[in-house]
Amino acid sequence: MPSTSEVFAAMGAAVEGAGGKAIQRKFKGQVVFRITDTDEVYALDLKGPVFSVEKGDKNMTSPDLTVIITSENMAALISGALKPQQAFMKGKLKIKGKMNLAMKLNAVLVATRKKLPKPKM
C-alpha cells in the first residue's frame, strides 16, 4: 500500500497540466483531506487558475469539501481496495461540505491511482 505522502504526490501529478483540466471538467472545487492517525492535512485545489495539492490547508479558509480518513483507509481507497461509497457507509470515511461534490471525488481518485508508482516485486 502506498504511503500518505506517495498518495498526495501522485494526486499532485494527476492534477497538473492537461490532466487537471480533464479532472476539473468532472470535479471543480477545493478539498481538505484530514488524515486522522498521522494528524496530516492536505489541500486539493481544482477551483483556481493553478491546480494544486499541498501539505497543510493554510490557503483554504472555506473548502467545498472536507474528507476525514485514516492513512490506511486512504491508501485502500486510492488503490481501489476500498470503494468510496462503501467507506462512507462503514464510517471509514467522513465527509463535511457539499455532498454532490463528494459524489464526484472518484474522478480524482482514479486519476491519482494511475499516477502511483507501480509496486516493486
N, C-alpha and C. Protein backbone atom coordinates (compact mmCIF):
# COMPACT_ATOMS: atom_id res chain seq x y z
N MET A 1 0.85 -1.19 0.00
CA MET A 1 0.00 0.00 0.00
C MET A 1 0.89 1.24 0.00
N PRO A 2 0.48 2.26 -0.74
CA PRO A 2 1.29 3.49 -0.78
C PRO A 2 1.18 4.29 0.51
N SER A 3 2.23 5.05 0.80
CA SER A 3 2.21 5.92 1.97
C SER A 3 1.35 7.14 1.66
N THR A 4 0.98 7.87 2.70
CA THR A 4 0.17 9.08 2.52
C THR A 4 0.88 10.09 1.64
N SER A 5 2.18 10.28 1.86
CA SER A 5 2.91 11.25 1.04
C SER A 5 2.97 10.80 -0.43
N GLU A 6 3.08 9.50 -0.68
CA GLU A 6 3.07 8.98 -2.06
C GLU A 6 1.70 9.21 -2.71
N VAL A 7 0.64 9.01 -1.94
CA VAL A 7 -0.71 9.22 -2.46
C VAL A 7 -0.90 10.66 -2.91
N PHE A 8 -0.50 11.61 -2.05
CA PHE A 8 -0.75 13.01 -2.38
C PHE A 8 0.25 13.54 -3.42
N ALA A 9 1.43 12.95 -3.51
CA ALA A 9 2.35 13.29 -4.59
C ALA A 9 1.75 12.85 -5.92
N ALA A 10 1.17 11.65 -5.94
CA ALA A 10 0.52 11.14 -7.15
C ALA A 10 -0.70 11.99 -7.50
N MET A 11 -1.44 12.43 -6.49
CA MET A 11 -2.59 13.29 -6.73
C MET A 11 -2.14 14.61 -7.35
N GLY A 12 -1.03 15.15 -6.84
CA GLY A 12 -0.48 16.37 -7.41
C GLY A 12 -0.10 16.19 -8.87
N ALA A 13 0.53 15.06 -9.18
CA ALA A 13 0.91 14.76 -10.57
C ALA A 13 -0.33 14.61 -11.45
N ALA A 14 -1.39 14.05 -10.89
CA ALA A 14 -2.61 13.83 -11.66
C ALA A 14 -3.32 15.13 -12.02
N VAL A 15 -3.22 16.14 -11.17
CA VAL A 15 -3.96 17.38 -11.42
C VAL A 15 -3.15 18.44 -12.16
N GLU A 16 -1.87 18.18 -12.41
CA GLU A 16 -1.04 19.15 -13.13
C GLU A 16 -1.39 19.18 -14.61
N GLY A 17 -1.31 20.33 -15.21
CA GLY A 17 -1.44 20.49 -16.66
C GLY A 17 -2.75 20.00 -17.23
N ALA A 18 -2.64 19.31 -18.37
CA ALA A 18 -3.83 18.86 -19.09
C ALA A 18 -4.64 17.86 -18.28
N GLY A 19 -3.96 17.06 -17.48
CA GLY A 19 -4.67 16.09 -16.63
C GLY A 19 -5.62 16.79 -15.68
N GLY A 20 -5.19 17.91 -15.13
CA GLY A 20 -6.03 18.68 -14.22
C GLY A 20 -7.25 19.25 -14.91
N LYS A 21 -7.08 19.69 -16.15
CA LYS A 21 -8.22 20.23 -16.91
C LYS A 21 -9.27 19.15 -17.14
N ALA A 22 -8.82 17.94 -17.46
CA ALA A 22 -9.76 16.84 -17.68
C ALA A 22 -10.50 16.49 -16.40
N ILE A 23 -9.78 16.47 -15.29
CA ILE A 23 -10.41 16.18 -14.00
C ILE A 23 -11.37 17.30 -13.63
N GLN A 24 -10.97 18.56 -13.88
CA GLN A 24 -11.81 19.69 -13.48
C GLN A 24 -13.15 19.68 -14.21
N ARG A 25 -13.21 19.10 -15.41
CA ARG A 25 -14.50 19.02 -16.10
C ARG A 25 -15.48 18.17 -15.30
N LYS A 26 -14.97 17.22 -14.54
CA LYS A 26 -15.82 16.35 -13.72
C LYS A 26 -15.92 16.84 -12.28
N PHE A 27 -14.87 17.49 -11.81
CA PHE A 27 -14.77 17.85 -10.39
C PHE A 27 -14.14 19.23 -10.27
N LYS A 28 -14.90 20.20 -9.81
CA LYS A 28 -14.37 21.56 -9.66
C LYS A 28 -14.63 22.01 -8.22
N GLY A 29 -13.56 22.12 -7.44
CA GLY A 29 -13.73 22.54 -6.06
C GLY A 29 -12.44 22.46 -5.27
N GLN A 30 -12.56 22.78 -4.00
CA GLN A 30 -11.43 22.72 -3.07
C GLN A 30 -11.75 21.68 -2.00
N VAL A 31 -10.79 20.80 -1.75
CA VAL A 31 -10.97 19.72 -0.79
C VAL A 31 -9.83 19.71 0.20
N VAL A 32 -10.17 19.55 1.47
CA VAL A 32 -9.16 19.35 2.51
C VAL A 32 -9.28 17.91 2.96
N PHE A 33 -8.15 17.20 2.97
CA PHE A 33 -8.08 15.83 3.46
C PHE A 33 -7.43 15.86 4.83
N ARG A 34 -8.14 15.41 5.85
CA ARG A 34 -7.59 15.33 7.20
C ARG A 34 -7.30 13.86 7.49
N ILE A 35 -6.02 13.55 7.66
CA ILE A 35 -5.59 12.18 7.93
C ILE A 35 -5.49 12.05 9.45
N THR A 36 -6.43 11.34 10.04
CA THR A 36 -6.61 11.37 11.50
C THR A 36 -5.49 10.71 12.29
N ASP A 37 -4.95 9.60 11.81
CA ASP A 37 -3.96 8.88 12.62
C ASP A 37 -2.58 9.51 12.57
N THR A 38 -2.31 10.35 11.59
CA THR A 38 -1.00 11.00 11.48
C THR A 38 -1.07 12.51 11.67
N ASP A 39 -2.28 13.03 11.88
CA ASP A 39 -2.51 14.47 12.03
C ASP A 39 -1.99 15.27 10.84
N GLU A 40 -2.01 14.68 9.66
CA GLU A 40 -1.60 15.38 8.45
C GLU A 40 -2.83 15.99 7.78
N VAL A 41 -2.60 17.08 7.08
CA VAL A 41 -3.66 17.75 6.33
C VAL A 41 -3.11 18.05 4.94
N TYR A 42 -3.91 17.75 3.93
CA TYR A 42 -3.55 18.05 2.54
C TYR A 42 -4.71 18.81 1.91
N ALA A 43 -4.37 19.74 1.03
CA ALA A 43 -5.38 20.54 0.35
C ALA A 43 -5.29 20.33 -1.16
N LEU A 44 -6.42 20.02 -1.75
CA LEU A 44 -6.55 19.85 -3.20
C LEU A 44 -7.34 21.04 -3.73
N ASP A 45 -6.77 21.77 -4.67
CA ASP A 45 -7.45 22.94 -5.24
C ASP A 45 -7.65 22.74 -6.73
N LEU A 46 -8.89 22.50 -7.13
CA LEU A 46 -9.24 22.39 -8.54
C LEU A 46 -10.23 23.49 -8.90
N LYS A 47 -10.11 24.61 -8.21
CA LYS A 47 -11.01 25.73 -8.43
C LYS A 47 -10.27 26.91 -9.05
N GLY A 48 -9.07 27.14 -8.58
CA GLY A 48 -8.29 28.30 -9.00
C GLY A 48 -7.67 28.13 -10.37
N PRO A 49 -6.94 29.15 -10.81
CA PRO A 49 -6.30 29.08 -12.12
C PRO A 49 -5.16 28.06 -12.18
N VAL A 50 -4.54 27.77 -11.04
CA VAL A 50 -3.47 26.78 -10.96
C VAL A 50 -3.94 25.65 -10.05
N PHE A 51 -4.03 24.45 -10.59
CA PHE A 51 -4.48 23.30 -9.80
C PHE A 51 -3.33 22.80 -8.96
N SER A 52 -3.62 22.45 -7.71
CA SER A 52 -2.52 22.05 -6.83
C SER A 52 -2.97 21.11 -5.74
N VAL A 53 -1.97 20.42 -5.18
CA VAL A 53 -2.12 19.62 -3.97
C VAL A 53 -0.98 20.05 -3.07
N GLU A 54 -1.32 20.50 -1.87
CA GLU A 54 -0.31 20.99 -0.93
C GLU A 54 -0.50 20.36 0.43
N LYS A 55 0.59 20.21 1.14
CA LYS A 55 0.50 19.76 2.52
C LYS A 55 0.09 20.97 3.36
N GLY A 56 -0.91 20.78 4.22
CA GLY A 56 -1.44 21.88 5.01
C GLY A 56 -2.63 22.51 4.31
N ASP A 57 -3.38 23.32 5.06
CA ASP A 57 -4.57 23.95 4.47
C ASP A 57 -4.58 25.46 4.70
N LYS A 58 -3.40 26.06 4.80
CA LYS A 58 -3.28 27.49 5.10
C LYS A 58 -4.03 28.37 4.11
N ASN A 59 -4.01 28.02 2.85
CA ASN A 59 -4.61 28.85 1.81
C ASN A 59 -6.08 28.55 1.56
N MET A 60 -6.66 27.64 2.33
CA MET A 60 -8.04 27.25 2.12
C MET A 60 -8.87 27.56 3.35
N THR A 61 -9.48 28.73 3.37
CA THR A 61 -10.26 29.14 4.54
C THR A 61 -11.62 28.46 4.61
N SER A 62 -12.24 28.23 3.47
CA SER A 62 -13.54 27.54 3.49
C SER A 62 -13.62 26.58 2.30
N PRO A 63 -13.07 25.37 2.48
CA PRO A 63 -13.09 24.38 1.40
C PRO A 63 -14.52 23.94 1.09
N ASP A 64 -14.73 23.50 -0.13
CA ASP A 64 -16.04 22.99 -0.52
C ASP A 64 -16.33 21.64 0.14
N LEU A 65 -15.26 20.92 0.46
CA LEU A 65 -15.40 19.57 0.99
C LEU A 65 -14.24 19.26 1.92
N THR A 66 -14.54 18.61 3.03
CA THR A 66 -13.50 18.11 3.93
C THR A 66 -13.68 16.60 4.05
N VAL A 67 -12.60 15.87 3.79
CA VAL A 67 -12.60 14.42 3.87
C VAL A 67 -11.77 14.03 5.10
N ILE A 68 -12.36 13.25 5.99
CA ILE A 68 -11.69 12.82 7.21
C ILE A 68 -11.53 11.30 7.13
N ILE A 69 -10.25 10.85 7.20
CA ILE A 69 -9.95 9.44 6.94
C ILE A 69 -8.61 9.07 7.58
N THR A 70 -8.37 7.79 7.83
CA THR A 70 -7.06 7.34 8.32
C THR A 70 -6.13 7.13 7.12
N SER A 71 -4.84 7.07 7.39
CA SER A 71 -3.88 6.85 6.30
C SER A 71 -4.08 5.48 5.66
N GLU A 72 -4.38 4.48 6.46
CA GLU A 72 -4.60 3.13 5.94
C GLU A 72 -5.82 3.09 5.01
N ASN A 73 -6.91 3.73 5.43
CA ASN A 73 -8.11 3.76 4.59
C ASN A 73 -7.91 4.61 3.34
N MET A 74 -7.12 5.67 3.44
CA MET A 74 -6.83 6.50 2.26
C MET A 74 -6.05 5.69 1.24
N ALA A 75 -5.07 4.92 1.70
CA ALA A 75 -4.29 4.07 0.80
C ALA A 75 -5.18 3.02 0.14
N ALA A 76 -6.09 2.43 0.92
CA ALA A 76 -7.01 1.43 0.38
C ALA A 76 -7.97 2.06 -0.63
N LEU A 77 -8.40 3.27 -0.35
CA LEU A 77 -9.29 4.00 -1.25
C LEU A 77 -8.61 4.28 -2.58
N ILE A 78 -7.38 4.76 -2.52
CA ILE A 78 -6.62 5.08 -3.73
C ILE A 78 -6.28 3.83 -4.52
N SER A 79 -5.94 2.75 -3.84
CA SER A 79 -5.56 1.52 -4.54
C SER A 79 -6.76 0.82 -5.17
N GLY A 80 -7.97 1.19 -4.74
CA GLY A 80 -9.17 0.56 -5.26
C GLY A 80 -9.67 -0.59 -4.40
N ALA A 81 -8.94 -0.92 -3.34
CA ALA A 81 -9.36 -2.00 -2.45
C ALA A 81 -10.60 -1.60 -1.63
N LEU A 82 -10.80 -0.30 -1.46
CA LEU A 82 -11.95 0.22 -0.72
C LEU A 82 -12.68 1.20 -1.62
N LYS A 83 -13.96 0.99 -1.82
CA LYS A 83 -14.77 1.87 -2.66
C LYS A 83 -15.25 3.06 -1.83
N PRO A 84 -15.32 4.26 -2.43
CA PRO A 84 -15.71 5.46 -1.68
C PRO A 84 -17.06 5.34 -0.96
N GLN A 85 -18.08 4.84 -1.66
CA GLN A 85 -19.40 4.72 -1.04
C GLN A 85 -19.38 3.71 0.10
N GLN A 86 -18.67 2.62 -0.10
CA GLN A 86 -18.53 1.58 0.93
C GLN A 86 -17.82 2.16 2.15
N ALA A 87 -16.77 2.93 1.94
CA ALA A 87 -16.02 3.55 3.04
C ALA A 87 -16.92 4.50 3.83
N PHE A 88 -17.72 5.28 3.13
CA PHE A 88 -18.62 6.23 3.78
C PHE A 88 -19.68 5.49 4.60
N MET A 89 -20.29 4.48 4.01
CA MET A 89 -21.35 3.73 4.69
C MET A 89 -20.83 2.98 5.92
N LYS A 90 -19.57 2.54 5.89
CA LYS A 90 -18.99 1.81 7.02
C LYS A 90 -18.35 2.74 8.04
N GLY A 91 -18.39 4.06 7.79
CA GLY A 91 -17.82 5.02 8.73
C GLY A 91 -16.30 5.15 8.65
N LYS A 92 -15.70 4.60 7.60
CA LYS A 92 -14.25 4.69 7.43
C LYS A 92 -13.84 6.00 6.77
N LEU A 93 -14.82 6.72 6.28
CA LEU A 93 -14.61 7.98 5.58
C LEU A 93 -15.72 8.93 6.02
N LYS A 94 -15.34 10.10 6.50
CA LYS A 94 -16.33 11.10 6.90
C LYS A 94 -16.20 12.29 5.97
N ILE A 95 -17.35 12.87 5.65
CA ILE A 95 -17.41 13.98 4.70
C ILE A 95 -18.10 15.16 5.37
N LYS A 96 -17.53 16.34 5.18
CA LYS A 96 -18.18 17.58 5.60
C LYS A 96 -18.20 18.50 4.38
N GLY A 97 -19.34 19.10 4.12
CA GLY A 97 -19.41 20.02 3.00
C GLY A 97 -20.39 19.55 1.95
N LYS A 98 -20.10 19.88 0.71
CA LYS A 98 -21.01 19.63 -0.41
C LYS A 98 -21.01 18.15 -0.81
N MET A 99 -22.11 17.48 -0.47
CA MET A 99 -22.21 16.05 -0.75
C MET A 99 -22.20 15.77 -2.26
N ASN A 100 -22.77 16.67 -3.06
CA ASN A 100 -22.76 16.43 -4.51
C ASN A 100 -21.33 16.44 -5.06
N LEU A 101 -20.46 17.23 -4.45
CA LEU A 101 -19.05 17.25 -4.84
C LEU A 101 -18.36 15.96 -4.39
N ALA A 102 -18.74 15.47 -3.22
CA ALA A 102 -18.16 14.22 -2.71
C ALA A 102 -18.46 13.05 -3.66
N MET A 103 -19.63 13.08 -4.28
CA MET A 103 -20.01 12.01 -5.20
C MET A 103 -19.13 12.01 -6.45
N LYS A 104 -18.51 13.15 -6.76
CA LYS A 104 -17.66 13.26 -7.95
C LYS A 104 -16.18 13.07 -7.64
N LEU A 105 -15.85 12.87 -6.38
CA LEU A 105 -14.45 12.74 -5.96
C LEU A 105 -13.76 11.53 -6.58
N ASN A 106 -14.54 10.55 -6.99
CA ASN A 106 -13.95 9.34 -7.57
C ASN A 106 -13.10 9.64 -8.81
N ALA A 107 -13.45 10.69 -9.56
CA ALA A 107 -12.66 11.07 -10.74
C ALA A 107 -11.23 11.41 -10.33
N VAL A 108 -11.09 12.08 -9.20
CA VAL A 108 -9.76 12.44 -8.69
C VAL A 108 -9.03 11.18 -8.21
N LEU A 109 -9.75 10.29 -7.54
CA LEU A 109 -9.14 9.07 -7.02
C LEU A 109 -8.62 8.18 -8.15
N VAL A 110 -9.40 8.04 -9.20
CA VAL A 110 -9.00 7.21 -10.34
C VAL A 110 -7.76 7.79 -11.02
N ALA A 111 -7.75 9.11 -11.22
CA ALA A 111 -6.59 9.76 -11.85
C ALA A 111 -5.35 9.61 -10.98
N THR A 112 -5.53 9.69 -9.66
CA THR A 112 -4.41 9.53 -8.73
C THR A 112 -3.86 8.11 -8.79
N ARG A 113 -4.75 7.13 -8.83
CA ARG A 113 -4.34 5.72 -8.89
C ARG A 113 -3.43 5.47 -10.10
N LYS A 114 -3.74 6.11 -11.21
CA LYS A 114 -2.94 5.93 -12.43
C LYS A 114 -1.54 6.53 -12.31
N LYS A 115 -1.36 7.50 -11.42
CA LYS A 115 -0.07 8.17 -11.26
C LYS A 115 0.79 7.56 -10.15
N LEU A 116 0.24 6.62 -9.39
CA LEU A 116 1.03 5.99 -8.32
C LEU A 116 2.14 5.14 -8.91
N PRO A 117 3.30 5.11 -8.25
CA PRO A 117 4.36 4.22 -8.72
C PRO A 117 3.92 2.76 -8.61
N LYS A 118 4.34 1.98 -9.56
CA LYS A 118 3.99 0.55 -9.55
C LYS A 118 4.73 -0.13 -8.40
N PRO A 119 4.06 -1.06 -7.68
CA PRO A 119 4.72 -1.76 -6.57
C PRO A 119 5.91 -2.57 -7.06
N LYS A 120 6.95 -2.60 -6.25
CA LYS A 120 8.15 -3.38 -6.58
C LYS A 120 7.95 -4.82 -6.17
N MET A 121 8.38 -5.72 -7.02
CA MET A 121 8.23 -7.15 -6.74
C MET A 121 9.42 -7.66 -5.97
